[in-house]
PDB file of N, CA and C in Angstrom:
ATOM      1  N   MET A   1     -12.157  15.032   7.155  1.00  0.00           N
ATOM      2  CA  MET A   1     -11.140  14.996   6.125  1.00  0.00           C
ATOM      3  C   MET A   1      -9.794  14.728   6.721  1.00  0.00           C
ATOM      4  N   ALA A   2      -9.417  13.482   6.904  1.00  0.00           N
ATOM      5  CA  ALA A   2      -8.181  13.158   7.403  1.00  0.00           C
ATOM      6  C   ALA A   2      -7.046  13.579   6.376  1.00  0.00           C
ATOM      7  N   LEU A   3      -5.942  13.982   6.864  1.00  0.00           N
ATOM      8  CA  LEU A   3      -4.831  14.474   6.006  1.00  0.00           C
ATOM      9  C   LEU A   3      -3.801  13.357   5.770  1.00  0.00           C
ATOM     10  N   ARG A   4      -3.368  13.299   4.560  1.00  0.00           N
ATOM     11  CA  ARG A   4      -2.241  12.287   4.243  1.00  0.00           C
ATOM     12  C   ARG A   4      -1.244  13.113   3.294  1.00  0.00           C
ATOM     13  N   PHE A   5      -0.011  13.178   3.639  1.00  0.00           N
ATOM     14  CA  PHE A   5       1.014  13.742   2.818  1.00  0.00           C
ATOM     15  C   PHE A   5       1.267  12.844   1.562  1.00  0.00           C
ATOM     16  N   ALA A   6       1.714  13.554   0.490  1.00  0.00           N
ATOM     17  CA  ALA A   6       2.126  12.858  -0.701  1.00  0.00           C
ATOM     18  C   ALA A   6       3.349  11.965  -0.282  1.00  0.00           C
ATOM     19  N   PRO A   7       3.676  10.879  -0.972  1.00  0.00           N
ATOM     20  CA  PRO A   7       4.769   9.934  -0.612  1.00  0.00           C
ATOM     21  C   PRO A   7       5.987  10.632  -0.471  1.00  0.00           C
ATOM     22  N   ASP A   8       6.429  11.640  -1.296  1.00  0.00           N
ATOM     23  CA  ASP A   8       7.672  12.262  -1.307  1.00  0.00           C
ATOM     24  C   ASP A   8       7.817  13.416  -0.321  1.00  0.00           C
ATOM     25  N   ILE A   9       6.821  13.569   0.566  1.00  0.00           N
ATOM     26  CA  ILE A   9       6.874  14.560   1.638  1.00  0.00           C
ATOM     27  C   ILE A   9       7.398  13.975   2.965  1.00  0.00           C
ATOM     28  N   THR A  10       8.545  14.503   3.557  1.00  0.00           N
ATOM     29  CA  THR A  10       8.826  14.058   4.849  1.00  0.00           C
ATOM     30  C   THR A  10       8.681  15.150   5.843  1.00  0.00           C
ATOM     31  N   THR A  11       8.392  14.764   7.026  1.00  0.00           N
ATOM     32  CA  THR A  11       8.242  15.747   8.075  1.00  0.00           C
ATOM     33  C   THR A  11       9.188  15.520   9.307  1.00  0.00           C
ATOM     34  N   ALA A  12       9.458  16.560  10.045  1.00  0.00           N
ATOM     35  CA  ALA A  12      10.248  16.495  11.165  1.00  0.00           C
ATOM     36  C   ALA A  12       9.766  17.589  12.131  1.00  0.00           C
ATOM     37  N   GLU A  13       9.425  17.125  13.326  1.00  0.00           N
ATOM     38  CA  GLU A  13       8.912  18.095  14.326  1.00  0.00           C
ATOM     39  C   GLU A  13      10.165  18.578  15.075  1.00  0.00           C
ATOM     40  N   THR A  14      10.202  19.917  15.289  1.00  0.00           N
ATOM     41  CA  THR A  14      11.244  20.624  16.012  1.00  0.00           C
ATOM     42  C   THR A  14      10.640  21.313  17.194  1.00  0.00           C
ATOM     43  N   GLU A  15      11.572  22.005  17.932  1.00  0.00           N
ATOM     44  CA  GLU A  15      11.080  22.742  19.111  1.00  0.00           C
ATOM     45  C   GLU A  15      10.290  23.990  18.703  1.00  0.00           C
ATOM     46  N   TYR A  16      10.341  24.384  17.371  1.00  0.00           N
ATOM     47  CA  TYR A  16       9.689  25.604  16.854  1.00  0.00           C
ATOM     48  C   TYR A  16       8.432  25.200  16.086  1.00  0.00           C
ATOM     49  N   GLY A  17       8.163  23.953  15.701  1.00  0.00           N
ATOM     50  CA  GLY A  17       7.082  23.553  14.911  1.00  0.00           C
ATOM     51  C   GLY A  17       7.347  22.305  14.196  1.00  0.00           C
ATOM     52  N   THR A  18       6.933  22.327  12.863  1.00  0.00           N
ATOM     53  CA  THR A  18       7.215  21.147  12.009  1.00  0.00           C
ATOM     54  C   THR A  18       7.836  21.606  10.679  1.00  0.00           C
ATOM     55  N   VAL A  19       8.718  20.919  10.207  1.00  0.00           N
ATOM     56  CA  VAL A  19       9.403  21.147   8.872  1.00  0.00           C
ATOM     57  C   VAL A  19       8.855  20.097   7.891  1.00  0.00           C
ATOM     58  N   LEU A  20       8.380  20.612   6.756  1.00  0.00           N
ATOM     59  CA  LEU A  20       7.968  19.698   5.700  1.00  0.00           C
ATOM     60  C   LEU A  20       8.890  19.740   4.509  1.00  0.00           C
ATOM     61  N   LEU A  21       9.397  18.623   4.020  1.00  0.00           N
ATOM     62  CA  LEU A  21      10.385  18.688   2.875  1.00  0.00           C
ATOM     63  C   LEU A  21       9.715  17.954   1.754  1.00  0.00           C
ATOM     64  N   ASP A  22       9.615  18.614   0.604  1.00  0.00           N
ATOM     65  CA  ASP A  22       9.217  18.084  -0.662  1.00  0.00           C
ATOM     66  C   ASP A  22      10.500  17.533  -1.319  1.00  0.00           C
ATOM     67  N   GLN A  23      10.643  16.217  -1.206  1.00  0.00           N
ATOM     68  CA  GLN A  23      11.882  15.617  -1.790  1.00  0.00           C
ATOM     69  C   GLN A  23      11.979  15.643  -3.344  1.00  0.00           C
ATOM     70  N   ARG A  24      10.755  15.895  -4.001  1.00  0.00           N
ATOM     71  CA  ARG A  24      10.780  16.046  -5.433  1.00  0.00           C
ATOM     72  C   ARG A  24      11.445  17.353  -5.885  1.00  0.00           C
ATOM     73  N   SER A  25      11.117  18.439  -5.168  1.00  0.00           N
ATOM     74  CA  SER A  25      11.570  19.765  -5.571  1.00  0.00           C
ATOM     75  C   SER A  25      12.691  20.253  -4.653  1.00  0.00           C
ATOM     76  N   GLY A  26      12.872  19.769  -3.514  1.00  0.00           N
ATOM     77  CA  GLY A  26      13.806  20.246  -2.607  1.00  0.00           C
ATOM     78  C   GLY A  26      13.241  21.424  -1.760  1.00  0.00           C
ATOM     79  N   HIS A  27      12.057  21.883  -2.006  1.00  0.00           N
ATOM     80  CA  HIS A  27      11.426  22.851  -1.288  1.00  0.00           C
ATOM     81  C   HIS A  27      10.988  22.414   0.121  1.00  0.00           C
ATOM     82  N   TYR A  28      11.086  23.312   1.097  1.00  0.00           N
ATOM     83  CA  TYR A  28      10.603  23.001   2.451  1.00  0.00           C
ATOM     84  C   TYR A  28       9.798  24.168   3.035  1.00  0.00           C
ATOM     85  N   TRP A  29       8.930  23.654   3.977  1.00  0.00           N
ATOM     86  CA  TRP A  29       8.068  24.628   4.679  1.00  0.00           C
ATOM     87  C   TRP A  29       8.170  24.431   6.101  1.00  0.00           C
ATOM     88  N   GLU A  30       8.096  25.503   6.850  1.00  0.00           N
ATOM     89  CA  GLU A  30       8.120  25.364   8.287  1.00  0.00           C
ATOM     90  C   GLU A  30       6.752  25.836   8.908  1.00  0.00           C
ATOM     91  N   LEU A  31       6.108  24.939   9.624  1.00  0.00           N
ATOM     92  CA  LEU A  31       4.927  25.191  10.254  1.00  0.00           C
ATOM     93  C   LEU A  31       5.171  25.660  11.689  1.00  0.00           C
ATOM     94  N   ASN A  32       4.502  26.662  12.154  1.00  0.00           N
ATOM     95  CA  ASN A  32       4.623  27.162  13.490  1.00  0.00           C
ATOM     96  C   ASN A  32       3.871  26.156  14.453  1.00  0.00           C
ATOM     97  N   PRO A  33       3.830  26.330  15.695  1.00  0.00           N
ATOM     98  CA  PRO A  33       3.128  25.453  16.591  1.00  0.00           C
ATOM     99  C   PRO A  33       1.697  25.373  16.254  1.00  0.00           C
ATOM    100  N   THR A  34       1.059  26.372  15.898  1.00  0.00           N
ATOM    101  CA  THR A  34      -0.334  26.253  15.466  1.00  0.00           C
ATOM    102  C   THR A  34      -0.613  25.374  14.282  1.00  0.00           C
ATOM    103  N   GLY A  35       0.236  25.467  13.245  1.00  0.00           N
ATOM    104  CA  GLY A  35       0.138  24.697  12.125  1.00  0.00           C
ATOM    105  C   GLY A  35       0.425  23.205  12.481  1.00  0.00           C
ATOM    106  N   THR A  36       1.440  23.006  13.304  1.00  0.00           N
ATOM    107  CA  THR A  36       1.870  21.724  13.763  1.00  0.00           C
ATOM    108  C   THR A  36       0.595  20.990  14.370  1.00  0.00           C
ATOM    109  N   LEU A  37      -0.093  21.781  15.205  1.00  0.00           N
ATOM    110  CA  LEU A  37      -1.297  21.197  15.950  1.00  0.00           C
ATOM    111  C   LEU A  37      -2.334  20.765  14.916  1.00  0.00           C
ATOM    112  N   VAL A  38      -2.580  21.638  13.924  1.00  0.00           N
ATOM    113  CA  VAL A  38      -3.547  21.393  12.884  1.00  0.00           C
ATOM    114  C   VAL A  38      -3.209  20.083  12.092  1.00  0.00           C
ATOM    115  N   VAL A  39      -1.945  20.065  11.612  1.00  0.00           N
ATOM    116  CA  VAL A  39      -1.547  18.908  10.910  1.00  0.00           C
ATOM    117  C   VAL A  39      -1.533  17.695  11.693  1.00  0.00           C
ATOM    118  N   ARG A  40      -1.080  17.745  12.907  1.00  0.00           N
ATOM    119  CA  ARG A  40      -1.125  16.503  13.754  1.00  0.00           C
ATOM    120  C   ARG A  40      -2.545  15.966  13.920  1.00  0.00           C
ATOM    121  N   THR A  41      -3.450  16.894  14.218  1.00  0.00           N
ATOM    122  CA  THR A  41      -4.795  16.519  14.394  1.00  0.00           C
ATOM    123  C   THR A  41      -5.431  15.770  13.223  1.00  0.00           C
ATOM    124  N   LEU A  42      -5.127  16.408  12.036  1.00  0.00           N
ATOM    125  CA  LEU A  42      -5.565  15.853  10.713  1.00  0.00           C
ATOM    126  C   LEU A  42      -4.958  14.551  10.416  1.00  0.00           C
ATOM    127  N   LEU A  43      -3.640  14.411  10.692  1.00  0.00           N
ATOM    128  CA  LEU A  43      -2.895  13.184  10.329  1.00  0.00           C
ATOM    129  C   LEU A  43      -3.403  12.088  11.238  1.00  0.00           C
ATOM    130  N   GLU A  44      -3.887  12.381  12.319  1.00  0.00           N
ATOM    131  CA  GLU A  44      -4.469  11.372  13.335  1.00  0.00           C
ATOM    132  C   GLU A  44      -5.807  11.069  13.056  1.00  0.00           C
ATOM    133  N   GLY A  45      -6.353  11.467  11.929  1.00  0.00           N
ATOM    134  CA  GLY A  45      -7.724  11.118  11.495  1.00  0.00           C
ATOM    135  C   GLY A  45      -8.797  12.094  11.850  1.00  0.00           C
ATOM    136  N   GLY A  46      -8.455  13.244  12.426  1.00  0.00           N
ATOM    137  CA  GLY A  46      -9.350  14.292  12.832  1.00  0.00           C
ATOM    138  C   GLY A  46      -9.869  14.939  11.538  1.00  0.00           C
ATOM    139  N   GLU A  47     -11.042  15.644  11.762  1.00  0.00           N
ATOM    140  CA  GLU A  47     -11.732  16.335  10.729  1.00  0.00           C
ATOM    141  C   GLU A  47     -11.291  17.862  10.905  1.00  0.00           C
ATOM    142  N   GLU A  48     -11.599  18.726   9.948  1.00  0.00           N
ATOM    143  CA  GLU A  48     -11.327  20.123  10.024  1.00  0.00           C
ATOM    144  C   GLU A  48     -11.857  20.748  11.270  1.00  0.00           C
ATOM    145  N   LYS A  49     -13.075  20.355  11.698  1.00  0.00           N
ATOM    146  CA  LYS A  49     -13.638  20.888  12.908  1.00  0.00           C
ATOM    147  C   LYS A  49     -12.911  20.439  14.097  1.00  0.00           C
ATOM    148  N   ASP A  50     -12.322  19.369  14.173  1.00  0.00           N
ATOM    149  CA  ASP A  50     -11.506  18.830  15.195  1.00  0.00           C
ATOM    150  C   ASP A  50     -10.177  19.683  15.316  1.00  0.00           C
ATOM    151  N   ALA A  51      -9.638  20.085  14.236  1.00  0.00           N
ATOM    152  CA  ALA A  51      -8.477  20.847  14.157  1.00  0.00           C
ATOM    153  C   ALA A  51      -8.766  22.240  14.702  1.00  0.00           C
ATOM    154  N   VAL A  52      -9.938  22.810  14.352  1.00  0.00           N
ATOM    155  CA  VAL A  52     -10.422  24.128  14.867  1.00  0.00           C
ATOM    156  C   VAL A  52     -10.536  24.084  16.347  1.00  0.00           C
ATOM    157  N   ASP A  53     -11.135  22.984  16.822  1.00  0.00           N
ATOM    158  CA  ASP A  53     -11.372  22.780  18.247  1.00  0.00           C
ATOM    159  C   ASP A  53     -10.090  22.707  19.001  1.00  0.00           C
ATOM    160  N   ALA A  54      -9.082  21.995  18.430  1.00  0.00           N
ATOM    161  CA  ALA A  54      -7.801  21.869  19.093  1.00  0.00           C
ATOM    162  C   ALA A  54      -6.997  23.172  19.143  1.00  0.00           C
ATOM    163  N   VAL A  55      -7.174  23.989  18.136  1.00  0.00           N
ATOM    164  CA  VAL A  55      -6.580  25.278  18.177  1.00  0.00           C
ATOM    165  C   VAL A  55      -7.119  26.193  19.164  1.00  0.00           C
ATOM    166  N   ILE A  56      -8.487  26.212  19.251  1.00  0.00           N
ATOM    167  CA  ILE A  56      -9.166  26.977  20.314  1.00  0.00           C
ATOM    168  C   ILE A  56      -8.805  26.555  21.702  1.00  0.00           C
ATOM    169  N   ALA A  57      -8.607  25.367  21.884  1.00  0.00           N
ATOM    170  CA  ALA A  57      -8.309  24.818  23.205  1.00  0.00           C
ATOM    171  C   ALA A  57      -6.881  25.108  23.648  1.00  0.00           C
ATOM    172  N   GLU A  58      -5.943  25.254  22.633  1.00  0.00           N
ATOM    173  CA  GLU A  58      -4.581  25.438  22.946  1.00  0.00           C
ATOM    174  C   GLU A  58      -4.133  26.926  22.963  1.00  0.00           C
ATOM    175  N   PHE A  59      -4.792  27.654  22.172  1.00  0.00           N
ATOM    176  CA  PHE A  59      -4.384  29.051  21.981  1.00  0.00           C
ATOM    177  C   PHE A  59      -5.608  30.020  22.240  1.00  0.00           C
ATOM    178  N   ASP A  60      -5.348  31.253  22.539  1.00  0.00           N
ATOM    179  CA  ASP A  60      -6.255  32.244  22.898  1.00  0.00           C
ATOM    180  C   ASP A  60      -6.872  32.976  21.604  1.00  0.00           C
ATOM    181  N   ILE A  61      -7.729  32.208  20.936  1.00  0.00           N
ATOM    182  CA  ILE A  61      -8.267  32.636  19.601  1.00  0.00           C
ATOM    183  C   ILE A  61      -9.779  32.294  19.591  1.00  0.00           C
ATOM    184  N   ASP A  62     -10.442  33.215  18.792  1.00  0.00           N
ATOM    185  CA  ASP A  62     -11.901  32.933  18.688  1.00  0.00           C
ATOM    186  C   ASP A  62     -12.169  31.953  17.575  1.00  0.00           C
ATOM    187  N   ARG A  63     -13.379  31.294  17.573  1.00  0.00           N
ATOM    188  CA  ARG A  63     -13.624  30.281  16.631  1.00  0.00           C
ATOM    189  C   ARG A  63     -13.570  30.693  15.183  1.00  0.00           C
ATOM    190  N   ALA A  64     -14.062  31.854  14.877  1.00  0.00           N
ATOM    191  CA  ALA A  64     -14.080  32.367  13.546  1.00  0.00           C
ATOM    192  C   ALA A  64     -12.635  32.493  13.012  1.00  0.00           C
ATOM    193  N   GLN A  65     -11.709  33.029  13.781  1.00  0.00           N
ATOM    194  CA  GLN A  65     -10.286  33.157  13.444  1.00  0.00           C
ATOM    195  C   GLN A  65      -9.678  31.756  13.265  1.00  0.00           C
ATOM    196  N   ALA A  66     -10.008  30.919  14.251  1.00  0.00           N
ATOM    197  CA  ALA A  66      -9.388  29.582  14.133  1.00  0.00           C
ATOM    198  C   ALA A  66      -9.835  28.853  12.851  1.00  0.00           C
ATOM    199  N   ALA A  67     -11.162  28.979  12.589  1.00  0.00           N
ATOM    200  CA  ALA A  67     -11.692  28.251  11.451  1.00  0.00           C
ATOM    201  C   ALA A  67     -10.984  28.816  10.115  1.00  0.00           C
ATOM    202  N   GLN A  68     -10.917  30.118  10.070  1.00  0.00           N
ATOM    203  CA  GLN A  68     -10.204  30.749   8.922  1.00  0.00           C
ATOM    204  C   GLN A  68      -8.805  30.321   8.739  1.00  0.00           C
ATOM    205  N   ASP A  69      -8.052  30.323   9.923  1.00  0.00           N
ATOM    206  CA  ASP A  69      -6.656  29.890   9.834  1.00  0.00           C
ATOM    207  C   ASP A  69      -6.465  28.436   9.434  1.00  0.00           C
ATOM    208  N   VAL A  70      -7.307  27.519   9.909  1.00  0.00           N
ATOM    209  CA  VAL A  70      -7.224  26.097   9.640  1.00  0.00           C
ATOM    210  C   VAL A  70      -7.584  25.920   8.159  1.00  0.00           C
ATOM    211  N   ALA A  71      -8.610  26.590   7.725  1.00  0.00           N
ATOM    212  CA  ALA A  71      -9.002  26.318   6.260  1.00  0.00           C
ATOM    213  C   ALA A  71      -7.902  26.847   5.418  1.00  0.00           C
ATOM    214  N   ALA A  72      -7.209  28.038   5.624  1.00  0.00           N
ATOM    215  CA  ALA A  72      -6.195  28.543   4.930  1.00  0.00           C
ATOM    216  C   ALA A  72      -5.003  27.537   4.922  1.00  0.00           C
ATOM    217  N   LEU A  73      -4.637  27.026   5.992  1.00  0.00           N
ATOM    218  CA  LEU A  73      -3.544  26.095   5.934  1.00  0.00           C
ATOM    219  C   LEU A  73      -3.826  24.918   5.163  1.00  0.00           C
ATOM    220  N   ILE A  74      -5.008  24.255   5.272  1.00  0.00           N
ATOM    221  CA  ILE A  74      -5.368  23.124   4.473  1.00  0.00           C
ATOM    222  C   ILE A  74      -5.408  23.480   2.957  1.00  0.00           C
ATOM    223  N   HIS A  75      -5.843  24.617   2.681  1.00  0.00           N
ATOM    224  CA  HIS A  75      -5.772  25.035   1.229  1.00  0.00           C
ATOM    225  C   HIS A  75      -4.392  25.199   0.768  1.00  0.00           C
ATOM    226  N   LEU A  76      -3.495  25.723   1.550  1.00  0.00           N
ATOM    227  CA  LEU A  76      -2.104  25.889   1.239  1.00  0.00           C
ATOM    228  C   LEU A  76      -1.409  24.509   0.941  1.00  0.00           C
ATOM    229  N   LEU A  77      -1.715  23.636   1.927  1.00  0.00           N
ATOM    230  CA  LEU A  77      -1.034  22.257   1.755  1.00  0.00           C
ATOM    231  C   LEU A  77      -1.547  21.594   0.508  1.00  0.00           C
ATOM    232  N   ARG A  78      -2.818  21.743   0.254  1.00  0.00           N
ATOM    233  CA  ARG A  78      -3.354  21.115  -1.051  1.00  0.00           C
ATOM    234  C   ARG A  78      -2.842  21.763  -2.299  1.00  0.00           C
ATOM    235  N   THR A  79      -2.886  23.081  -2.364  1.00  0.00           N
ATOM    236  CA  THR A  79      -2.370  23.739  -3.650  1.00  0.00           C
ATOM    237  C   THR A  79      -0.860  23.670  -3.697  1.00  0.00           C
ATOM    238  N   SER A  80      -0.184  23.436  -2.752  1.00  0.00           N
ATOM    239  CA  SER A  80       1.277  23.366  -2.889  1.00  0.00           C
ATOM    240  C   SER A  80       1.683  21.792  -3.273  1.00  0.00           C
ATOM    241  N   GLY A  81       0.700  21.024  -3.416  1.00  0.00           N
ATOM    242  CA  GLY A  81       1.061  19.564  -3.913  1.00  0.00           C
ATOM    243  C   GLY A  81       1.556  18.735  -2.773  1.00  0.00           C
ATOM    244  N   LEU A  82       1.349  19.149  -1.531  1.00  0.00           N
ATOM    245  CA  LEU A  82       1.993  18.410  -0.428  1.00  0.00           C
ATOM    246  C   LEU A  82       1.096  17.214   0.051  1.00  0.00           C
ATOM    247  N   THR A  83      -0.177  17.252  -0.252  1.00  0.00           N
ATOM    248  CA  THR A  83      -1.095  16.251   0.210  1.00  0.00           C
ATOM    249  C   THR A  83      -1.341  15.264  -0.857  1.00  0.00           C
ATOM    250  N   ALA A  84      -1.765  13.975  -0.555  1.00  0.00           N
ATOM    251  CA  ALA A  84      -1.973  13.003  -1.473  1.00  0.00           C
ATOM    252  C   ALA A  84      -3.479  12.968  -1.775  1.00  0.00           C
TER     253      ALA A  84
END
């Protein structure tokens, strides 16, 4: 499941992660480095499993926790109306 943001969502990577701005509402979200890695992997066409693998490779975390965290972030992005 590749990720695509809605047309009114802009992103900016910072030294702390990624900022997402919803231009419709003016709300913004800040993703930590883990969230940034997940989003980048999905935006590049990766699947949820690829994002889990990337998190495990980059951070000291077990597969179950990584899978739970990735699923939670994807759910949040969808329910917040940030994805297309």
